[in-house]
N, C-alpha and C. Protein backbone atom coordinates (compact mmCIF):
# COMPACT_ATOMS: atom_id res chain seq x y z
N MET A 1 90.17 116.92 112.17
CA MET A 1 91.45 117.25 112.23
C MET A 1 91.65 118.24 113.34
N ASP A 2 92.84 117.98 113.94
CA ASP A 2 93.34 118.98 115.03
C ASP A 2 94.08 120.12 114.38
N ILE A 3 93.41 121.25 114.19
CA ILE A 3 93.93 122.37 113.51
C ILE A 3 95.02 123.05 114.27
N GLY A 4 94.87 123.09 115.58
CA GLY A 4 95.89 123.92 116.46
C GLY A 4 97.17 123.05 116.54
N LYS A 5 97.04 121.72 116.65
CA LYS A 5 98.19 120.84 116.42
C LYS A 5 99.06 121.04 115.18
N ARG A 6 98.25 121.09 114.15
CA ARG A 6 98.76 121.04 112.63
C ARG A 6 99.59 122.45 112.72
N ILE A 7 98.90 123.61 113.13
CA ILE A 7 99.63 124.84 112.92
C ILE A 7 100.84 124.77 113.78
N LYS A 8 100.76 124.15 115.00
CA LYS A 8 101.80 124.21 115.86
C LYS A 8 103.15 123.49 115.28
N ALA A 9 102.71 122.27 114.58
CA ALA A 9 103.75 121.41 114.03
C ALA A 9 104.29 122.08 112.84
N LEU A 10 103.56 122.75 111.87
CA LEU A 10 104.04 123.51 110.95
C LEU A 10 104.98 124.70 111.45
N ARG A 11 104.63 125.39 112.45
CA ARG A 11 105.29 126.39 112.94
C ARG A 11 106.74 126.00 113.57
N LEU A 12 106.62 125.00 114.05
CA LEU A 12 107.96 124.43 114.55
C LEU A 12 108.90 123.85 113.62
N GLN A 13 108.29 123.14 112.53
CA GLN A 13 108.96 122.66 111.37
C GLN A 13 109.56 123.86 110.75
N ASN A 14 109.07 124.87 110.74
CA ASN A 14 109.51 126.08 110.06
C ASN A 14 110.48 126.95 110.96
N GLY A 15 110.73 126.43 112.26
CA GLY A 15 111.74 127.05 112.99
C GLY A 15 111.13 128.54 113.51
N LEU A 16 109.86 128.82 113.84
CA LEU A 16 109.17 130.01 114.12
C LEU A 16 108.85 129.92 115.59
N THR A 17 108.88 131.00 116.21
CA THR A 17 108.53 131.11 117.56
C THR A 17 106.94 131.55 117.25
N LEU A 18 106.24 131.41 118.46
CA LEU A 18 104.89 132.03 118.43
C LEU A 18 104.90 133.35 118.07
N GLU A 19 105.74 134.15 118.64
CA GLU A 19 105.97 135.62 118.47
C GLU A 19 106.16 136.04 117.02
N GLU A 20 107.05 135.20 116.45
CA GLU A 20 107.46 135.39 115.09
C GLU A 20 106.33 135.12 114.05
N LEU A 21 105.60 134.00 114.29
CA LEU A 21 104.51 133.74 113.42
C LEU A 21 103.54 134.73 113.59
N ALA A 22 103.13 135.29 114.74
CA ALA A 22 102.17 136.27 115.10
C ALA A 22 102.38 137.51 114.45
N SER A 23 103.94 138.02 114.48
CA SER A 23 104.07 139.23 113.61
C SER A 23 104.02 139.10 112.34
N ARG A 24 104.35 138.02 111.74
CA ARG A 24 104.38 137.94 110.28
C ARG A 24 102.86 137.63 109.85
N CYS A 25 101.97 137.25 110.69
CA CYS A 25 100.45 137.33 110.27
C CYS A 25 99.81 138.40 110.73
N GLU A 26 100.43 139.36 111.35
CA GLU A 26 99.60 140.47 112.10
C GLU A 26 98.51 140.18 112.92
N LEU A 27 98.92 138.97 113.93
CA LEU A 27 98.01 138.45 114.92
C LEU A 27 98.80 138.53 116.35
N THR A 28 98.12 138.55 117.26
CA THR A 28 98.71 138.51 118.61
C THR A 28 99.23 137.09 118.94
N LYS A 29 100.21 137.08 119.77
CA LYS A 29 100.85 135.91 120.22
C LYS A 29 99.91 135.07 121.22
N GLY A 30 99.24 135.91 121.70
CA GLY A 30 98.07 135.29 122.74
C GLY A 30 96.89 134.33 121.91
N PHE A 31 96.59 135.14 120.76
CA PHE A 31 95.56 134.40 119.84
C PHE A 31 96.21 133.16 119.36
N LEU A 32 97.58 133.29 118.74
CA LEU A 32 98.01 132.18 118.24
C LEU A 32 98.25 131.05 119.23
N SER A 33 98.66 131.33 120.54
CA SER A 33 98.60 130.32 121.67
C SER A 33 97.32 129.53 121.77
N GLN A 34 96.33 130.47 121.79
CA GLN A 34 94.98 129.77 122.17
C GLN A 34 94.62 128.95 120.95
N LEU A 35 94.89 129.35 119.65
CA LEU A 35 94.72 128.74 118.44
C LEU A 35 95.40 127.33 118.46
N GLU A 36 96.63 127.43 118.84
CA GLU A 36 97.39 126.03 118.98
C GLU A 36 96.93 124.95 120.00
N ARG A 37 96.30 125.59 120.98
CA ARG A 37 95.58 124.78 122.12
C ARG A 37 94.21 124.54 121.86
N ASN A 38 93.76 124.90 120.73
CA ASN A 38 92.32 124.63 120.23
C ASN A 38 91.28 125.32 121.33
N LEU A 39 91.69 126.41 121.77
CA LEU A 39 90.84 127.09 122.64
C LEU A 39 89.95 128.23 121.89
N THR A 40 90.27 128.25 120.59
CA THR A 40 89.61 129.20 119.59
C THR A 40 89.93 128.71 118.24
N SER A 41 88.97 129.23 117.45
CA SER A 41 89.07 128.70 115.89
C SER A 41 89.28 129.97 114.98
N PRO A 42 90.19 129.92 114.02
CA PRO A 42 90.49 130.84 113.11
C PRO A 42 89.22 131.13 112.03
N SER A 43 89.28 132.22 111.54
CA SER A 43 88.39 132.43 110.31
C SER A 43 88.97 131.77 109.12
N ILE A 44 88.46 131.68 108.01
CA ILE A 44 89.09 131.11 106.86
C ILE A 44 90.20 132.05 106.36
N ALA A 45 89.99 133.38 106.42
CA ALA A 45 91.02 134.38 105.94
C ALA A 45 92.21 134.19 107.01
N THR A 46 91.92 134.08 108.13
CA THR A 46 93.07 134.26 109.15
C THR A 46 93.89 132.87 108.84
N LEU A 47 93.28 131.79 108.76
CA LEU A 47 93.95 130.55 108.45
C LEU A 47 94.59 130.72 107.16
N GLN A 48 94.11 131.17 106.18
CA GLN A 48 94.90 131.31 104.89
C GLN A 48 95.98 132.17 105.27
N ASP A 49 96.16 133.18 105.92
CA ASP A 49 97.19 134.04 106.21
C ASP A 49 98.34 133.29 107.02
N ILE A 50 97.87 132.51 107.90
CA ILE A 50 98.77 131.71 108.65
C ILE A 50 99.55 130.47 107.80
N THR A 51 98.59 129.80 106.88
CA THR A 51 99.10 128.71 106.11
C THR A 51 100.22 129.43 104.95
N GLU A 52 99.68 130.51 104.59
CA GLU A 52 100.79 131.32 103.62
C GLU A 52 102.07 131.58 104.06
N VAL A 53 102.08 132.01 105.42
CA VAL A 53 103.45 132.35 106.19
C VAL A 53 104.18 130.99 106.43
N LEU A 54 103.40 130.00 106.68
CA LEU A 54 103.93 128.72 106.89
C LEU A 54 104.46 127.94 105.68
N GLY A 55 104.09 128.51 104.44
CA GLY A 55 104.52 127.78 103.28
C GLY A 55 103.73 126.62 102.70
N ILE A 56 102.56 126.61 103.04
CA ILE A 56 101.76 125.59 102.58
C ILE A 56 100.32 125.98 102.00
N SER A 57 99.76 125.44 101.09
CA SER A 57 98.46 125.85 100.68
C SER A 57 97.30 125.40 101.52
N LEU A 58 96.25 126.07 101.59
CA LEU A 58 95.30 125.66 102.18
C LEU A 58 94.73 124.28 102.08
N PRO A 59 94.58 123.87 100.91
CA PRO A 59 94.23 122.39 100.65
C PRO A 59 95.14 121.39 101.31
N ASP A 60 96.47 121.73 101.07
CA ASP A 60 97.48 120.92 101.65
C ASP A 60 97.51 120.82 103.10
N PHE A 61 97.10 122.14 103.67
CA PHE A 61 96.94 121.99 105.30
C PHE A 61 96.04 120.95 105.72
N PHE A 62 94.87 120.89 104.95
CA PHE A 62 93.89 119.89 105.37
C PHE A 62 94.05 118.60 104.84
N ARG A 63 95.13 118.23 103.99
CA ARG A 63 95.21 116.98 103.44
C ARG A 63 95.97 116.25 104.51
N GLU A 64 95.41 115.23 105.02
CA GLU A 64 95.86 114.42 106.05
C GLU A 64 96.81 113.29 105.45
N GLU A 65 97.93 113.25 105.84
CA GLU A 65 99.04 112.12 105.27
C GLU A 65 98.60 110.64 105.90
N GLU A 66 98.63 109.73 105.05
CA GLU A 66 98.34 108.44 105.45
C GLU A 66 99.49 108.02 106.36
N GLU A 67 99.10 107.35 107.41
CA GLU A 67 100.13 106.79 108.49
C GLU A 67 100.57 105.45 107.88
N VAL A 68 101.92 105.22 107.55
CA VAL A 68 102.45 103.88 106.77
C VAL A 68 103.15 103.26 107.90
N PRO A 69 102.73 102.04 108.16
CA PRO A 69 103.24 101.25 109.09
C PRO A 69 104.77 101.16 108.96
N ILE A 70 105.72 101.03 110.03
CA ILE A 70 106.92 100.82 110.00
C ILE A 70 107.56 99.67 110.61
N CYS A 71 106.64 99.20 111.54
CA CYS A 71 107.06 97.96 112.27
C CYS A 71 105.95 96.80 112.20
N PHE A 72 106.40 95.66 112.03
CA PHE A 72 105.53 94.53 111.62
C PHE A 72 105.62 93.36 112.59
N PRO A 73 104.66 93.17 113.55
CA PRO A 73 104.82 91.94 114.49
C PRO A 73 104.80 90.66 113.70
N LYS A 74 105.57 89.64 114.45
CA LYS A 74 105.66 88.46 113.82
C LYS A 74 104.17 87.72 113.46
N GLU A 75 103.19 88.05 114.23
CA GLU A 75 101.86 87.52 114.06
C GLU A 75 101.20 87.96 112.74
N GLU A 76 101.66 88.92 112.12
CA GLU A 76 101.21 89.50 110.99
C GLU A 76 101.97 88.92 109.72
N GLN A 77 103.01 88.26 109.78
CA GLN A 77 103.70 87.67 108.76
C GLN A 77 102.93 86.43 108.12
N PHE A 78 103.00 86.35 106.75
CA PHE A 78 102.22 85.34 106.07
C PHE A 78 103.31 84.16 105.69
N VAL A 79 102.75 82.89 105.99
CA VAL A 79 103.57 81.81 105.62
C VAL A 79 102.98 81.00 104.54
N ASP A 80 103.77 80.58 103.61
CA ASP A 80 103.25 79.75 102.49
C ASP A 80 104.13 78.35 102.57
N GLU A 81 103.42 77.40 103.26
CA GLU A 81 104.29 76.05 103.41
C GLU A 81 104.15 75.09 102.26
N LYS A 82 105.30 74.66 101.90
CA LYS A 82 105.06 73.60 100.69
C LYS A 82 105.87 72.29 101.31
N GLU A 83 106.09 71.32 100.34
CA GLU A 83 106.69 70.04 100.86
C GLU A 83 108.14 70.48 101.22
N LYS A 84 108.96 70.99 100.33
CA LYS A 84 110.20 71.25 100.49
C LYS A 84 110.61 72.59 100.85
N THR A 85 109.67 73.71 100.84
CA THR A 85 109.96 74.91 101.18
C THR A 85 108.93 75.61 102.09
N SER A 86 109.50 76.71 102.60
CA SER A 86 108.39 77.51 103.42
C SER A 86 108.86 78.93 103.02
N LEU A 87 107.98 79.86 102.67
CA LEU A 87 108.25 81.20 102.35
C LEU A 87 107.32 82.11 103.24
N THR A 88 108.06 82.84 103.82
CA THR A 88 107.44 83.90 104.86
C THR A 88 107.74 85.25 104.34
N TRP A 89 106.50 85.93 104.09
CA TRP A 89 106.54 87.34 103.93
C TRP A 89 106.63 88.10 105.07
N LEU A 90 107.66 88.88 105.17
CA LEU A 90 108.14 89.47 106.47
C LEU A 90 107.49 90.92 106.58
N VAL A 91 107.00 91.50 105.47
CA VAL A 91 106.07 92.71 105.50
C VAL A 91 104.74 92.27 104.85
N PRO A 92 103.75 92.13 105.63
CA PRO A 92 102.47 91.67 105.03
C PRO A 92 101.80 92.79 104.10
N ASN A 93 101.20 92.32 103.25
CA ASN A 93 100.35 93.44 102.31
C ASN A 93 101.42 94.36 101.76
N SER A 94 102.54 94.10 101.55
CA SER A 94 103.40 95.11 101.11
C SER A 94 103.09 95.79 99.80
N GLN A 95 103.18 97.01 99.87
CA GLN A 95 103.04 97.89 98.62
C GLN A 95 104.31 98.63 98.49
N ASN A 96 105.24 98.26 98.90
CA ASN A 96 106.71 98.96 98.96
C ASN A 96 107.36 98.58 97.69
N GLN A 97 108.48 99.32 97.68
CA GLN A 97 109.46 99.30 96.43
C GLN A 97 110.33 97.77 96.74
N MET A 98 110.40 97.28 97.77
CA MET A 98 111.16 96.11 98.02
C MET A 98 110.22 95.15 98.81
N GLU A 99 110.82 93.73 98.67
CA GLU A 99 109.89 92.73 99.25
C GLU A 99 110.87 91.66 99.99
N PRO A 100 110.87 91.85 101.30
CA PRO A 100 111.82 90.88 102.08
C PRO A 100 111.06 89.56 102.38
N ILE A 101 111.54 88.50 102.10
CA ILE A 101 110.98 87.22 102.40
C ILE A 101 111.93 86.42 103.27
N LEU A 102 111.63 85.40 103.93
CA LEU A 102 112.49 84.45 104.68
C LEU A 102 112.11 83.13 104.00
N LEU A 103 113.16 82.59 103.18
CA LEU A 103 113.06 81.40 102.55
C LEU A 103 113.63 80.23 103.27
N GLU A 104 112.95 79.11 103.64
CA GLU A 104 113.37 78.04 104.33
C GLU A 104 113.39 76.86 103.46
N LEU A 105 114.42 76.21 103.08
CA LEU A 105 114.57 75.16 102.24
C LEU A 105 114.84 73.83 102.95
N ARG A 106 113.95 72.92 102.87
CA ARG A 106 114.22 71.80 103.59
C ARG A 106 115.21 70.80 102.71
N GLU A 107 115.58 69.71 103.17
CA GLU A 107 116.57 68.93 102.35
C GLU A 107 116.12 68.81 100.97
N ASP A 108 117.13 68.94 99.99
CA ASP A 108 116.77 68.94 98.48
C ASP A 108 115.82 69.95 98.20
N GLY A 109 115.44 71.01 98.88
CA GLY A 109 114.40 71.93 98.52
C GLY A 109 115.00 72.96 97.54
N GLU A 110 114.23 73.53 96.83
CA GLU A 110 114.64 74.61 95.82
C GLU A 110 113.44 75.54 95.94
N SER A 111 114.12 76.89 95.65
CA SER A 111 113.08 78.10 95.58
C SER A 111 112.36 78.05 94.39
N GLN A 112 111.40 78.69 94.05
CA GLN A 112 110.65 79.00 92.75
C GLN A 112 111.74 79.55 91.81
N ILE A 113 111.60 79.32 90.50
CA ILE A 113 112.43 79.81 89.53
C ILE A 113 112.08 81.30 89.36
N VAL A 114 113.11 82.12 89.39
CA VAL A 114 112.95 83.57 89.22
C VAL A 114 113.07 84.08 87.80
N ASP A 115 112.31 84.36 86.90
CA ASP A 115 112.47 84.72 85.63
C ASP A 115 113.09 86.14 85.67
N PRO A 116 113.67 86.47 84.47
CA PRO A 116 114.41 87.91 84.31
C PRO A 116 113.27 88.86 84.70
N HIS A 117 113.65 89.89 85.40
CA HIS A 117 112.97 91.15 85.73
C HIS A 117 113.71 92.29 85.78
N LYS A 118 113.10 93.63 85.78
CA LYS A 118 113.99 94.81 86.03
C LYS A 118 113.91 94.90 87.33
N GLY A 119 115.12 94.97 87.97
CA GLY A 119 115.13 95.09 89.33
C GLY A 119 116.39 94.29 89.97
N GLU A 120 116.76 94.33 91.35
CA GLU A 120 117.54 93.71 91.91
C GLU A 120 117.28 92.88 93.14
N GLU A 121 118.22 91.94 93.40
CA GLU A 121 117.85 91.19 94.64
C GLU A 121 119.18 90.98 95.65
N PHE A 122 118.67 90.98 96.71
CA PHE A 122 119.99 90.74 97.93
C PHE A 122 119.34 89.63 98.69
N GLY A 123 120.33 88.90 99.13
CA GLY A 123 120.18 87.60 99.85
C GLY A 123 121.25 87.22 100.91
N MET A 124 120.83 86.96 102.05
CA MET A 124 121.94 86.43 103.09
C MET A 124 121.54 85.13 103.63
N VAL A 125 122.54 84.16 103.55
CA VAL A 125 122.31 82.91 104.17
C VAL A 125 122.28 83.13 105.63
N LEU A 126 121.22 82.58 106.36
CA LEU A 126 121.17 82.61 107.76
C LEU A 126 121.46 81.30 108.32
N GLN A 127 121.29 80.31 107.66
CA GLN A 127 121.58 78.88 108.07
C GLN A 127 121.76 78.03 107.03
N GLY A 128 122.76 77.12 107.26
CA GLY A 128 122.87 76.02 106.12
C GLY A 128 123.67 76.20 105.00
N HIS A 129 123.50 75.80 103.81
CA HIS A 129 124.29 75.98 102.63
C HIS A 129 123.42 75.88 101.35
N VAL A 130 123.36 76.82 100.51
CA VAL A 130 122.61 76.95 99.24
C VAL A 130 123.60 77.14 98.08
N ILE A 131 122.94 76.82 97.03
CA ILE A 131 123.54 77.08 95.58
C ILE A 131 122.63 78.11 94.99
N LEU A 132 123.17 79.06 94.41
CA LEU A 132 122.52 80.08 93.58
C LEU A 132 122.79 79.51 92.17
N GLU A 133 121.70 79.14 91.47
CA GLU A 133 121.85 78.63 90.17
C GLU A 133 121.48 79.77 89.10
N ASP A 134 122.43 79.99 88.28
CA ASP A 134 122.06 80.90 87.18
C ASP A 134 121.66 79.98 86.02
N LEU A 135 120.35 79.85 85.79
CA LEU A 135 119.80 78.82 84.77
C LEU A 135 119.95 79.36 83.42
N SER A 136 120.32 80.46 83.13
CA SER A 136 120.63 81.05 81.90
C SER A 136 121.94 80.62 81.44
N SER A 137 122.98 80.87 82.42
CA SER A 137 124.43 80.39 81.89
C SER A 137 124.84 78.99 82.38
N ARG A 138 123.92 78.39 83.45
CA ARG A 138 124.39 77.26 83.98
C ARG A 138 125.39 77.52 85.15
N LYS A 139 125.77 78.77 85.58
CA LYS A 139 126.72 78.85 86.51
C LYS A 139 126.04 78.52 87.84
N LYS A 140 126.90 78.21 88.80
CA LYS A 140 126.41 77.79 90.22
C LYS A 140 127.30 78.50 91.12
N TYR A 141 126.80 79.19 92.26
CA TYR A 141 127.48 79.70 93.20
C TYR A 141 127.16 79.14 94.57
N SER A 142 128.19 78.88 95.31
CA SER A 142 127.98 78.16 96.65
C SER A 142 127.99 79.10 97.69
N LEU A 143 126.97 79.11 98.69
CA LEU A 143 126.89 80.12 99.61
C LEU A 143 126.66 79.42 101.15
N LYS A 144 127.25 79.66 102.04
CA LYS A 144 127.12 79.18 103.33
C LYS A 144 126.63 80.11 104.25
N LYS A 145 126.27 79.81 105.59
CA LYS A 145 125.92 80.84 106.68
C LYS A 145 126.84 81.96 106.52
N GLY A 146 126.18 83.12 106.48
CA GLY A 146 126.78 84.40 106.63
C GLY A 146 127.10 85.08 105.08
N ASP A 147 127.14 84.08 104.26
CA ASP A 147 127.40 84.65 102.82
C ASP A 147 126.26 85.35 102.20
N THR A 148 126.54 86.26 101.36
CA THR A 148 125.38 87.05 100.85
C THR A 148 125.59 87.20 99.36
N PHE A 149 124.38 87.38 98.57
CA PHE A 149 124.39 87.59 97.12
C PHE A 149 123.62 88.90 96.89
N TYR A 150 124.01 89.41 95.74
CA TYR A 150 123.51 90.80 95.19
C TYR A 150 123.42 90.60 93.73
N LEU A 151 122.37 90.74 93.07
CA LEU A 151 122.36 90.50 91.62
C LEU A 151 121.27 91.25 90.84
N ALA A 152 121.52 91.66 89.76
CA ALA A 152 120.47 92.27 88.92
C ALA A 152 119.56 91.05 88.52
N GLY A 153 118.23 91.28 88.27
CA GLY A 153 117.31 90.27 87.79
C GLY A 153 117.38 89.97 86.35
N LYS A 154 118.60 89.90 85.74
CA LYS A 154 118.61 89.93 84.28
C LYS A 154 118.48 88.35 83.75
N PHE A 155 118.65 87.50 84.74
CA PHE A 155 118.80 86.05 84.12
C PHE A 155 117.71 85.18 85.22
N ARG A 156 117.41 83.87 84.50
CA ARG A 156 116.65 83.15 85.42
C ARG A 156 117.42 82.41 86.36
N HIS A 157 117.07 82.50 87.68
CA HIS A 157 117.85 81.88 88.73
C HIS A 157 116.88 81.13 89.80
N ARG A 158 117.41 80.47 90.64
CA ARG A 158 116.83 79.98 91.95
C ARG A 158 117.94 79.52 92.70
N LEU A 159 117.42 79.31 93.95
CA LEU A 159 118.32 78.67 95.24
C LEU A 159 117.98 77.31 95.55
N CYS A 160 118.95 76.37 95.68
CA CYS A 160 118.89 75.02 96.00
C CYS A 160 119.50 74.88 97.27
N ASN A 161 118.98 74.00 98.21
CA ASN A 161 119.51 73.70 99.49
C ASN A 161 120.33 72.35 99.50
N LYS A 162 121.60 72.62 99.87
CA LYS A 162 122.72 71.50 99.93
C LYS A 162 122.85 71.13 101.35
N ALA A 163 122.33 71.57 102.37
CA ALA A 163 122.62 71.17 103.82
C ALA A 163 121.56 70.30 104.33
N LYS A 164 122.24 69.21 104.95
CA LYS A 164 121.34 68.18 105.50
C LYS A 164 120.20 68.77 106.31
N GLY A 165 120.32 69.43 107.28
CA GLY A 165 119.28 69.95 108.12
C GLY A 165 118.40 70.99 107.52
N GLY A 166 118.66 71.56 106.31
CA GLY A 166 117.83 72.62 105.83
C GLY A 166 118.71 73.87 105.90
N SER A 167 118.19 74.78 105.16
CA SER A 167 118.82 76.34 105.09
C SER A 167 117.69 77.30 105.02
N LYS A 168 118.12 78.38 105.60
CA LYS A 168 117.28 79.79 105.67
C LYS A 168 117.98 80.89 104.96
N VAL A 169 117.34 81.58 104.19
CA VAL A 169 117.80 82.74 103.43
C VAL A 169 116.77 83.87 103.52
N LEU A 170 117.54 85.03 103.94
CA LEU A 170 116.79 86.17 103.99
C LEU A 170 116.92 86.69 102.63
N TRP A 171 115.85 86.94 101.74
CA TRP A 171 115.87 87.28 100.35
C TRP A 171 115.17 88.65 100.18
N ILE A 172 115.66 89.63 99.58
CA ILE A 172 115.15 90.80 99.28
C ILE A 172 115.13 91.25 97.94
N ALA A 173 113.85 91.48 97.27
CA ALA A 173 113.82 91.96 95.73
C ALA A 173 113.30 93.33 95.63
N THR A 174 113.61 93.87 94.70
CA THR A 174 113.01 95.22 94.20
C THR A 174 113.04 95.23 92.66
N PRO A 175 111.84 95.46 92.14
CA PRO A 175 110.52 95.61 92.93
C PRO A 175 110.14 94.19 93.40
N PRO A 176 109.08 94.07 94.03
CA PRO A 176 108.52 92.74 94.53
C PRO A 176 108.24 91.88 93.38
N ILE A 177 108.74 90.51 93.61
CA ILE A 177 108.58 89.50 92.67
C ILE A 177 108.02 88.13 93.07
N PHE A 178 107.87 88.08 94.48
CA PHE A 178 107.57 86.84 94.98
C PHE A 178 105.95 86.69 95.18
């Protein structure tokens, strides 16, 4: 762990100058400057004084946050090809609260049936024409390119392609269901 870098980041996060932090910790500005540049090391007691002023416990100071990826290259996407459908997981190995997928439906293709669940879904037709079927009430909703849907997962449903050349739908569910 880069102790100096962590101290500087917390100092800046708290809106403190080197002089202000030094004064509150009863240290010199020069010592803190050297500390932030890793030219010297603090004693445990000094580090505890610094973390106290910065509003963080010593154990939390050393707890490294797991870096969570926020961008996902196309090469990392997972594709599941079937005869009439293709399902692309856009965020690989997702442990997130939502799950975005790209659903491609070939002629007469249908998505999997989605059983009732606690959560919500959003979709946008990127290409073609699909029917959103509410299998519980037998209602059907026609959606063309640019149309969207937003629903609570309280009923069984699926998407069916009605376009000659196939359809593409960006489909996002929370929590993940696919």
